[in-house]
């Protein structure tokens, strides 16, 4: 075990334990999402128009251009 204290390590540990605690009380859950269904890609990747629009609709976002 690494006993050296670093401020960045503490920050990571706080976030880790927060998520772990929320999971243990059932406030959040984990679920498998197939790559082609991962809506997060809308925010992280350049997508073909059809995929972009499908994810946008799934999130309930509207286009102001239409």
C-alpha atoms as a PDB file:
ATOM      1  CA  UNK A   1       0.000   0.000   0.000  1.00  0.00           C
ATOM      2  CA  UNK A   2       1.290   3.444  -0.909  1.00  0.00           C
ATOM      3  CA  UNK A   3       1.395   5.470   2.315  1.00  0.00           C
ATOM      4  CA  UNK A   4       2.663   8.662   0.690  1.00  0.00           C
ATOM      5  CA  UNK A   5       0.072  11.448   0.889  1.00  0.00           C
ATOM      6  CA  UNK A   6      -0.596  13.597  -2.134  1.00  0.00           C
ATOM      7  CA  UNK A   7      -3.318  16.250  -2.408  1.00  0.00           C
ATOM      8  CA  UNK A   8      -4.386  14.854  -5.790  1.00  0.00           C
ATOM      9  CA  UNK A   9      -4.678  11.368  -4.341  1.00  0.00           C
ATOM     10  CA  UNK A  10      -6.955  12.630  -1.581  1.00  0.00           C
ATOM     11  CA  UNK A  11      -9.190  14.273  -4.180  1.00  0.00           C
ATOM     12  CA  UNK A  12      -9.488  10.998  -6.091  1.00  0.00           C
ATOM     13  CA  UNK A  13     -10.187   9.025  -2.915  1.00  0.00           C
ATOM     14  CA  UNK A  14     -13.007  11.376  -1.872  1.00  0.00           C
ATOM     15  CA  UNK A  15     -14.708  10.990  -5.260  1.00  0.00           C
ATOM     16  CA  UNK A  16     -14.173   7.228  -5.247  1.00  0.00           C
ATOM     17  CA  UNK A  17     -15.714   6.783  -1.822  1.00  0.00           C
ATOM     18  CA  UNK A  18     -18.644   9.078  -2.627  1.00  0.00           C
ATOM     19  CA  UNK A  19     -19.558   7.010  -5.685  1.00  0.00           C
ATOM     20  CA  UNK A  20     -19.007   3.755  -3.812  1.00  0.00           C
ATOM     21  CA  UNK A  21     -21.269   4.921  -0.973  1.00  0.00           C
ATOM     22  CA  UNK A  22     -24.032   6.016  -3.366  1.00  0.00           C
ATOM     23  CA  UNK A  23     -23.834   2.647  -5.120  1.00  0.00           C
ATOM     24  CA  UNK A  24     -24.055   0.702  -1.848  1.00  0.00           C
ATOM     25  CA  UNK A  25     -27.254   2.510  -0.769  1.00  0.00           C
ATOM     26  CA  UNK A  26     -28.846   1.996  -4.183  1.00  0.00           C
ATOM     27  CA  UNK A  27     -28.846   5.661  -5.182  1.00  0.00           C
ATOM     28  CA  UNK A  28     -26.938   4.852  -8.374  1.00  0.00           C
ATOM     29  CA  UNK A  29     -26.605   1.650 -10.343  1.00  0.00           C
ATOM     30  CA  UNK A  30     -24.404   0.236 -13.049  1.00  0.00           C
ATOM     31  CA  UNK A  31     -25.737  -1.109 -16.307  1.00  0.00           C
ATOM     32  CA  UNK A  32     -24.089  -2.422 -19.446  1.00  0.00           C
ATOM     33  CA  UNK A  33     -24.608  -0.193 -22.479  1.00  0.00           C
ATOM     34  CA  UNK A  34     -23.650  -1.487 -25.913  1.00  0.00           C
ATOM     35  CA  UNK A  35     -21.273   0.769 -27.834  1.00  0.00           C
ATOM     36  CA  UNK A  36     -23.823   1.593 -30.524  1.00  0.00           C
ATOM     37  CA  UNK A  37     -26.359   2.660 -27.838  1.00  0.00           C
ATOM     38  CA  UNK A  38     -24.043   4.816 -25.708  1.00  0.00           C
ATOM     39  CA  UNK A  39     -25.748   8.229 -25.663  1.00  0.00           C
ATOM     40  CA  UNK A  40     -22.675   9.766 -24.012  1.00  0.00           C
ATOM     41  CA  UNK A  41     -21.029   9.617 -27.443  1.00  0.00           C
ATOM     42  CA  UNK A  42     -23.177  12.637 -28.344  1.00  0.00           C
ATOM     43  CA  UNK A  43     -20.890  14.724 -26.123  1.00  0.00           C
ATOM     44  CA  UNK A  44     -17.557  13.024 -26.806  1.00  0.00           C
ATOM     45  CA  UNK A  45     -17.412  12.007 -30.475  1.00  0.00           C
ATOM     46  CA  UNK A  46     -18.083  13.292 -33.947  1.00  0.00           C
ATOM     47  CA  UNK A  47     -21.147  11.312 -35.032  1.00  0.00           C
ATOM     48  CA  UNK A  48     -22.972  10.829 -38.312  1.00  0.00           C
ATOM     49  CA  UNK A  49     -26.053  13.065 -38.524  1.00  0.00           C
ATOM     50  CA  UNK A  50     -28.510  10.171 -38.086  1.00  0.00           C
ATOM     51  CA  UNK A  51     -26.814   8.935 -34.912  1.00  0.00           C
ATOM     52  CA  UNK A  52     -26.475  12.476 -33.548  1.00  0.00           C
ATOM     53  CA  UNK A  53     -30.163  13.203 -34.097  1.00  0.00           C
ATOM     54  CA  UNK A  54     -31.236   9.877 -32.559  1.00  0.00           C
ATOM     55  CA  UNK A  55     -29.169  10.515 -29.416  1.00  0.00           C
ATOM     56  CA  UNK A  56     -30.359  14.133 -29.247  1.00  0.00           C
ATOM     57  CA  UNK A  57     -33.969  12.954 -29.411  1.00  0.00           C
ATOM     58  CA  UNK A  58     -33.333  10.250 -26.783  1.00  0.00           C
ATOM     59  CA  UNK A  59     -32.114  12.958 -24.398  1.00  0.00           C
ATOM     60  CA  UNK A  60     -35.147  15.111 -25.136  1.00  0.00           C
ATOM     61  CA  UNK A  61     -33.065  17.937 -26.593  1.00  0.00           C
ATOM     62  CA  UNK A  62     -34.553  20.166 -29.260  1.00  0.00           C
ATOM     63  CA  UNK A  63     -32.922  21.782 -32.259  1.00  0.00           C
ATOM     64  CA  UNK A  64     -33.463  25.522 -32.610  1.00  0.00           C
ATOM     65  CA  UNK A  65     -32.569  25.321 -36.308  1.00  0.00           C
ATOM     66  CA  UNK A  66     -35.457  23.067 -37.397  1.00  0.00           C
END
